[in-house]
């Protein structure tokens, strides 16, 4: 069985070194900083959302692989 870890915003901020507002801009199609490849968060409850750790890791790896 694959173990899935949900990451909350504060953890994602620390892992990526991005600000909260930058992360929100990356997931907002109306923003000039929108990144269609950036993982979308999903709802955990009425006021909670998170990302799957493997989605964040895959995005980081893809970015690193494109650096050269």
PDB file of N, CA and C in Angstrom:
ATOM      1  N   UNK A   1       0.838  -1.186   0.000  1.00  0.00           N
ATOM      2  CA  UNK A   1       0.000   0.000   0.000  1.00  0.00           C
ATOM      3  C   UNK A   1       0.884   1.252   0.000  1.00  0.00           C
ATOM      4  N   UNK A   2       0.557   2.188  -0.860  1.00  0.00           N
ATOM      5  CA  UNK A   2       1.302   3.437  -0.940  1.00  0.00           C
ATOM      6  C   UNK A   2       0.779   4.390   0.126  1.00  0.00           C
ATOM      7  N   UNK A   3       1.695   4.937   0.901  1.00  0.00           N
ATOM      8  CA  UNK A   3       1.333   5.901   1.940  1.00  0.00           C
ATOM      9  C   UNK A   3       1.319   7.294   1.322  1.00  0.00           C
ATOM     10  N   UNK A   4       0.202   7.993   1.483  1.00  0.00           N
ATOM     11  CA  UNK A   4       0.096   9.341   0.950  1.00  0.00           C
ATOM     12  C   UNK A   4       0.159  10.332   2.098  1.00  0.00           C
ATOM     13  N   UNK A   5       0.999  11.338   1.932  1.00  0.00           N
ATOM     14  CA  UNK A   5       1.159  12.382   2.939  1.00  0.00           C
ATOM     15  C   UNK A   5       0.564  13.673   2.397  1.00  0.00           C
ATOM     16  N   UNK A   6      -0.271  14.314   3.196  1.00  0.00           N
ATOM     17  CA  UNK A   6      -0.857  15.593   2.821  1.00  0.00           C
ATOM     18  C   UNK A   6      -0.028  16.704   3.449  1.00  0.00           C
ATOM     19  N   UNK A   7       0.348  17.674   2.629  1.00  0.00           N
ATOM     20  CA  UNK A   7       1.129  18.812   3.100  1.00  0.00           C
ATOM     21  C   UNK A   7       0.233  20.038   3.174  1.00  0.00           C
ATOM     22  N   UNK A   8       0.314  20.743   4.281  1.00  0.00           N
ATOM     23  CA  UNK A   8      -0.451  21.978   4.443  1.00  0.00           C
ATOM     24  C   UNK A   8       0.385  23.161   3.959  1.00  0.00           C
ATOM     25  N   UNK A   9      -0.245  24.300   3.815  1.00  0.00           N
ATOM     26  CA  UNK A   9       0.379  25.486   3.223  1.00  0.00           C
ATOM     27  C   UNK A   9       1.708  25.854   3.883  1.00  0.00           C
ATOM     28  N   UNK A  10       1.758  25.917   5.203  1.00  0.00           N
ATOM     29  CA  UNK A  10       2.997  26.338   5.857  1.00  0.00           C
ATOM     30  C   UNK A  10       4.161  25.415   5.524  1.00  0.00           C
ATOM     31  N   UNK A  11       3.899  24.129   5.400  1.00  0.00           N
ATOM     32  CA  UNK A  11       4.953  23.186   5.042  1.00  0.00           C
ATOM     33  C   UNK A  11       5.394  23.403   3.596  1.00  0.00           C
ATOM     34  N   UNK A  12       4.429  23.613   2.699  1.00  0.00           N
ATOM     35  CA  UNK A  12       4.743  23.840   1.285  1.00  0.00           C
ATOM     36  C   UNK A  12       5.564  25.125   1.132  1.00  0.00           C
ATOM     37  N   UNK A  13       5.221  26.157   1.877  1.00  0.00           N
ATOM     38  CA  UNK A  13       5.989  27.404   1.866  1.00  0.00           C
ATOM     39  C   UNK A  13       7.445  27.124   2.221  1.00  0.00           C
ATOM     40  N   UNK A  14       7.658  26.366   3.279  1.00  0.00           N
ATOM     41  CA  UNK A  14       9.016  26.040   3.708  1.00  0.00           C
ATOM     42  C   UNK A  14       9.767  25.174   2.718  1.00  0.00           C
ATOM     43  N   UNK A  15       9.084  24.199   2.145  1.00  0.00           N
ATOM     44  CA  UNK A  15       9.725  23.289   1.192  1.00  0.00           C
ATOM     45  C   UNK A  15      10.129  23.995  -0.100  1.00  0.00           C
ATOM     46  N   UNK A  16       9.281  24.881  -0.587  1.00  0.00           N
ATOM     47  CA  UNK A  16       9.528  25.524  -1.874  1.00  0.00           C
ATOM     48  C   UNK A  16      10.283  26.840  -1.760  1.00  0.00           C
ATOM     49  N   UNK A  17      10.293  27.433  -0.574  1.00  0.00           N
ATOM     50  CA  UNK A  17      10.937  28.729  -0.419  1.00  0.00           C
ATOM     51  C   UNK A  17      10.174  29.839  -1.121  1.00  0.00           C
ATOM     52  N   UNK A  18       8.866  29.653  -1.262  1.00  0.00           N
ATOM     53  CA  UNK A  18       7.997  30.647  -1.892  1.00  0.00           C
ATOM     54  C   UNK A  18       7.093  31.249  -0.827  1.00  0.00           C
ATOM     55  N   UNK A  19       6.636  32.458  -1.094  1.00  0.00           N
ATOM     56  CA  UNK A  19       5.685  33.070  -0.179  1.00  0.00           C
ATOM     57  C   UNK A  19       4.287  32.493  -0.420  1.00  0.00           C
ATOM     58  N   UNK A  20       3.422  32.703   0.545  1.00  0.00           N
ATOM     59  CA  UNK A  20       2.030  32.265   0.434  1.00  0.00           C
ATOM     60  C   UNK A  20       1.373  32.898  -0.798  1.00  0.00           C
ATOM     61  N   UNK A  21       1.604  34.201  -0.988  1.00  0.00           N
ATOM     62  CA  UNK A  21       0.964  34.887  -2.117  1.00  0.00           C
ATOM     63  C   UNK A  21       1.478  34.361  -3.458  1.00  0.00           C
ATOM     64  N   UNK A  22       2.760  34.017  -3.539  1.00  0.00           N
ATOM     65  CA  UNK A  22       3.300  33.460  -4.778  1.00  0.00           C
ATOM     66  C   UNK A  22       2.668  32.110  -5.088  1.00  0.00           C
ATOM     67  N   UNK A  23       2.497  31.288  -4.070  1.00  0.00           N
ATOM     68  CA  UNK A  23       1.854  29.985  -4.279  1.00  0.00           C
ATOM     69  C   UNK A  23       0.428  30.179  -4.782  1.00  0.00           C
ATOM     70  N   UNK A  24      -0.312  31.106  -4.159  1.00  0.00           N
ATOM     71  CA  UNK A  24      -1.675  31.363  -4.620  1.00  0.00           C
ATOM     72  C   UNK A  24      -1.683  31.884  -6.062  1.00  0.00           C
ATOM     73  N   UNK A  25      -0.697  32.707  -6.420  1.00  0.00           N
ATOM     74  CA  UNK A  25      -0.629  33.198  -7.796  1.00  0.00           C
ATOM     75  C   UNK A  25      -0.317  32.071  -8.776  1.00  0.00           C
ATOM     76  N   UNK A  26       0.504  31.116  -8.369  1.00  0.00           N
ATOM     77  CA  UNK A  26       0.856  29.991  -9.244  1.00  0.00           C
ATOM     78  C   UNK A  26      -0.361  29.125  -9.572  1.00  0.00           C
ATOM     79  N   UNK A  27      -1.356  29.086  -8.673  1.00  0.00           N
ATOM     80  CA  UNK A  27      -2.533  28.243  -8.907  1.00  0.00           C
ATOM     81  C   UNK A  27      -3.739  29.024  -9.434  1.00  0.00           C
ATOM     82  N   UNK A  28      -3.569  30.332  -9.633  1.00  0.00           N
ATOM     83  CA  UNK A  28      -4.664  31.185 -10.097  1.00  0.00           C
ATOM     84  C   UNK A  28      -4.511  31.469 -11.597  1.00  0.00           C
ATOM     85  N   UNK A  29      -5.385  30.908 -12.430  1.00  0.00           N
ATOM     86  CA  UNK A  29      -5.266  31.118 -13.883  1.00  0.00           C
ATOM     87  C   UNK A  29      -5.337  32.583 -14.315  1.00  0.00           C
ATOM     88  N   UNK A  30      -5.905  33.452 -13.493  1.00  0.00           N
ATOM     89  CA  UNK A  30      -6.004  34.866 -13.842  1.00  0.00           C
ATOM     90  C   UNK A  30      -4.716  35.636 -13.536  1.00  0.00           C
ATOM     91  N   UNK A  31      -3.780  35.022 -12.855  1.00  0.00           N
ATOM     92  CA  UNK A  31      -2.536  35.686 -12.460  1.00  0.00           C
ATOM     93  C   UNK A  31      -1.489  35.592 -13.564  1.00  0.00           C
ATOM     94  N   UNK A  32      -0.655  36.625 -13.666  1.00  0.00           N
ATOM     95  CA  UNK A  32       0.442  36.582 -14.639  1.00  0.00           C
ATOM     96  C   UNK A  32       1.519  35.581 -14.210  1.00  0.00           C
ATOM     97  N   UNK A  33       1.519  35.175 -12.952  1.00  0.00           N
ATOM     98  CA  UNK A  33       2.467  34.172 -12.444  1.00  0.00           C
ATOM     99  C   UNK A  33       1.893  32.754 -12.466  1.00  0.00           C
ATOM    100  N   UNK A  34       0.739  32.584 -13.071  1.00  0.00           N
ATOM    101  CA  UNK A  34       0.093  31.268 -13.135  1.00  0.00           C
ATOM    102  C   UNK A  34       1.026  30.243 -13.755  1.00  0.00           C
ATOM    103  N   UNK A  35       1.064  29.068 -13.153  1.00  0.00           N
ATOM    104  CA  UNK A  35       1.877  27.960 -13.661  1.00  0.00           C
ATOM    105  C   UNK A  35       0.972  26.735 -13.736  1.00  0.00           C
ATOM    106  N   UNK A  36       0.589  26.371 -14.950  1.00  0.00           N
ATOM    107  CA  UNK A  36      -0.328  25.240 -15.137  1.00  0.00           C
ATOM    108  C   UNK A  36       0.258  23.931 -14.633  1.00  0.00           C
ATOM    109  N   UNK A  37       1.583  23.873 -14.488  1.00  0.00           N
ATOM    110  CA  UNK A  37       2.220  22.645 -14.003  1.00  0.00           C
ATOM    111  C   UNK A  37       2.270  22.570 -12.483  1.00  0.00           C
ATOM    112  N   UNK A  38       1.978  23.683 -11.815  1.00  0.00           N
ATOM    113  CA  UNK A  38       2.049  23.692 -10.350  1.00  0.00           C
ATOM    114  C   UNK A  38       0.903  22.852  -9.781  1.00  0.00           C
ATOM    115  N   UNK A  39       1.197  21.990  -8.812  1.00  0.00           N
ATOM    116  CA  UNK A  39       0.141  21.129  -8.252  1.00  0.00           C
ATOM    117  C   UNK A  39      -0.997  21.938  -7.632  1.00  0.00           C
ATOM    118  N   UNK A  40      -2.199  21.465  -7.858  1.00  0.00           N
ATOM    119  CA  UNK A  40      -3.378  22.114  -7.288  1.00  0.00           C
ATOM    120  C   UNK A  40      -3.671  21.512  -5.913  1.00  0.00           C
ATOM    121  N   UNK A  41      -4.010  22.361  -4.950  1.00  0.00           N
ATOM    122  CA  UNK A  41      -4.408  21.820  -3.651  1.00  0.00           C
ATOM    123  C   UNK A  41      -5.801  21.207  -3.751  1.00  0.00           C
ATOM    124  N   UNK A  42      -6.134  20.384  -2.785  1.00  0.00           N
ATOM    125  CA  UNK A  42      -7.478  19.814  -2.740  1.00  0.00           C
ATOM    126  C   UNK A  42      -8.061  20.058  -1.354  1.00  0.00           C
ATOM    127  N   UNK A  43      -9.382  20.066  -1.282  1.00  0.00           N
ATOM    128  CA  UNK A  43     -10.072  20.357  -0.026  1.00  0.00           C
ATOM    129  C   UNK A  43     -10.000  19.178   0.927  1.00  0.00           C
ATOM    130  N   UNK A  44      -9.679  19.487   2.172  1.00  0.00           N
ATOM    131  CA  UNK A  44      -9.681  18.491   3.240  1.00  0.00           C
ATOM    132  C   UNK A  44     -10.918  18.642   4.111  1.00  0.00           C
ATOM    133  N   UNK A  45     -11.514  19.804   4.057  1.00  0.00           N
ATOM    134  CA  UNK A  45     -12.688  20.107   4.865  1.00  0.00           C
ATOM    135  C   UNK A  45     -13.227  21.461   4.441  1.00  0.00           C
ATOM    136  N   UNK A  46     -14.070  22.037   5.264  1.00  0.00           N
ATOM    137  CA  UNK A  46     -14.689  23.316   4.915  1.00  0.00           C
ATOM    138  C   UNK A  46     -13.677  24.440   4.751  1.00  0.00           C
ATOM    139  N   UNK A  47     -12.660  24.471   5.593  1.00  0.00           N
ATOM    140  CA  UNK A  47     -11.692  25.566   5.517  1.00  0.00           C
ATOM    141  C   UNK A  47     -10.252  25.073   5.491  1.00  0.00           C
ATOM    142  N   UNK A  48     -10.051  23.845   5.075  1.00  0.00           N
ATOM    143  CA  UNK A  48      -8.698  23.285   5.036  1.00  0.00           C
ATOM    144  C   UNK A  48      -8.421  22.672   3.668  1.00  0.00           C
ATOM    145  N   UNK A  49      -7.217  22.900   3.194  1.00  0.00           N
ATOM    146  CA  UNK A  49      -6.791  22.282   1.938  1.00  0.00           C
ATOM    147  C   UNK A  49      -5.335  21.863   2.069  1.00  0.00           C
ATOM    148  N   UNK A  50      -4.899  21.052   1.132  1.00  0.00           N
ATOM    149  CA  UNK A  50      -3.523  20.581   1.173  1.00  0.00           C
ATOM    150  C   UNK A  50      -3.102  20.015  -0.164  1.00  0.00           C
ATOM    151  N   UNK A  51      -1.838  19.646  -0.244  1.00  0.00           N
ATOM    152  CA  UNK A  51      -1.248  19.063  -1.440  1.00  0.00           C
ATOM    153  C   UNK A  51      -0.731  17.681  -1.101  1.00  0.00           C
ATOM    154  N   UNK A  52      -0.732  16.793  -2.062  1.00  0.00           N
ATOM    155  CA  UNK A  52      -0.083  15.506  -1.863  1.00  0.00           C
ATOM    156  C   UNK A  52       1.424  15.709  -1.977  1.00  0.00           C
ATOM    157  N   UNK A  53       2.150  15.119  -1.041  1.00  0.00           N
ATOM    158  CA  UNK A  53       3.601  15.270  -1.021  1.00  0.00           C
ATOM    159  C   UNK A  53       4.222  14.835  -2.348  1.00  0.00           C
ATOM    160  N   UNK A  54       3.733  13.738  -2.917  1.00  0.00           N
ATOM    161  CA  UNK A  54       4.322  13.259  -4.166  1.00  0.00           C
ATOM    162  C   UNK A  54       4.084  14.221  -5.324  1.00  0.00           C
ATOM    163  N   UNK A  55       2.996  14.996  -5.288  1.00  0.00           N
ATOM    164  CA  UNK A  55       2.755  15.996  -6.334  1.00  0.00           C
ATOM    165  C   UNK A  55       3.758  17.145  -6.233  1.00  0.00           C
ATOM    166  N   UNK A  56       4.011  17.609  -5.013  1.00  0.00           N
ATOM    167  CA  UNK A  56       4.997  18.673  -4.794  1.00  0.00           C
ATOM    168  C   UNK A  56       6.386  18.177  -5.185  1.00  0.00           C
ATOM    169  N   UNK A  57       6.732  16.962  -4.764  1.00  0.00           N
ATOM    170  CA  UNK A  57       8.044  16.389  -5.094  1.00  0.00           C
ATOM    171  C   UNK A  57       8.234  16.244  -6.604  1.00  0.00           C
ATOM    172  N   UNK A  58       7.197  15.789  -7.303  1.00  0.00           N
ATOM    173  CA  UNK A  58       7.283  15.612  -8.757  1.00  0.00           C
ATOM    174  C   UNK A  58       7.456  16.956  -9.457  1.00  0.00           C
ATOM    175  N   UNK A  59       6.762  17.985  -8.983  1.00  0.00           N
ATOM    176  CA  UNK A  59       6.889  19.317  -9.569  1.00  0.00           C
ATOM    177  C   UNK A  59       8.308  19.845  -9.377  1.00  0.00           C
ATOM    178  N   UNK A  60       8.850  19.688  -8.159  1.00  0.00           N
ATOM    179  CA  UNK A  60      10.221  20.127  -7.890  1.00  0.00           C
ATOM    180  C   UNK A  60      11.223  19.390  -8.772  1.00  0.00           C
ATOM    181  N   UNK A  61      11.038  18.092  -8.919  1.00  0.00           N
ATOM    182  CA  UNK A  61      11.951  17.298  -9.744  1.00  0.00           C
ATOM    183  C   UNK A  61      11.895  17.751 -11.195  1.00  0.00           C
ATOM    184  N   UNK A  62      10.697  18.009 -11.705  1.00  0.00           N
ATOM    185  CA  UNK A  62      10.555  18.478 -13.083  1.00  0.00           C
ATOM    186  C   UNK A  62      11.250  19.825 -13.275  1.00  0.00           C
ATOM    187  N   UNK A  63      11.118  20.711 -12.307  1.00  0.00           N
ATOM    188  CA  UNK A  63      11.791  22.014 -12.384  1.00  0.00           C
ATOM    189  C   UNK A  63      13.300  21.834 -12.368  1.00  0.00           C
ATOM    190  N   UNK A  64      13.796  20.973 -11.493  1.00  0.00           N
ATOM    191  CA  UNK A  64      15.239  20.723 -11.400  1.00  0.00           C
ATOM    192  C   UNK A  64      15.764  20.080 -12.681  1.00  0.00           C
ATOM    193  N   UNK A  65      15.001  19.158 -13.250  1.00  0.00           N
ATOM    194  CA  UNK A  65      15.420  18.483 -14.482  1.00  0.00           C
ATOM    195  C   UNK A  65      15.502  19.448 -15.663  1.00  0.00           C
ATOM    196  N   UNK A  66      14.686  20.510 -15.634  1.00  0.00           N
ATOM    197  CA  UNK A  66      14.674  21.487 -16.727  1.00  0.00           C
ATOM    198  C   UNK A  66      15.762  22.547 -16.591  1.00  0.00           C
ATOM    199  N   UNK A  67      16.497  22.517 -15.492  1.00  0.00           N
ATOM    200  CA  UNK A  67      17.533  23.533 -15.258  1.00  0.00           C
ATOM    201  C   UNK A  67      18.815  23.268 -16.027  1.00  0.00           C
ATOM    202  N   UNK A  68      18.925  22.149 -16.616  1.00  0.00           N
ATOM    203  CA  UNK A  68      20.128  21.948 -17.395  1.00  0.00           C
ATOM    204  C   UNK A  68      20.655  20.602 -17.307  1.00  0.00           C
TER     205      UNK A  68
END
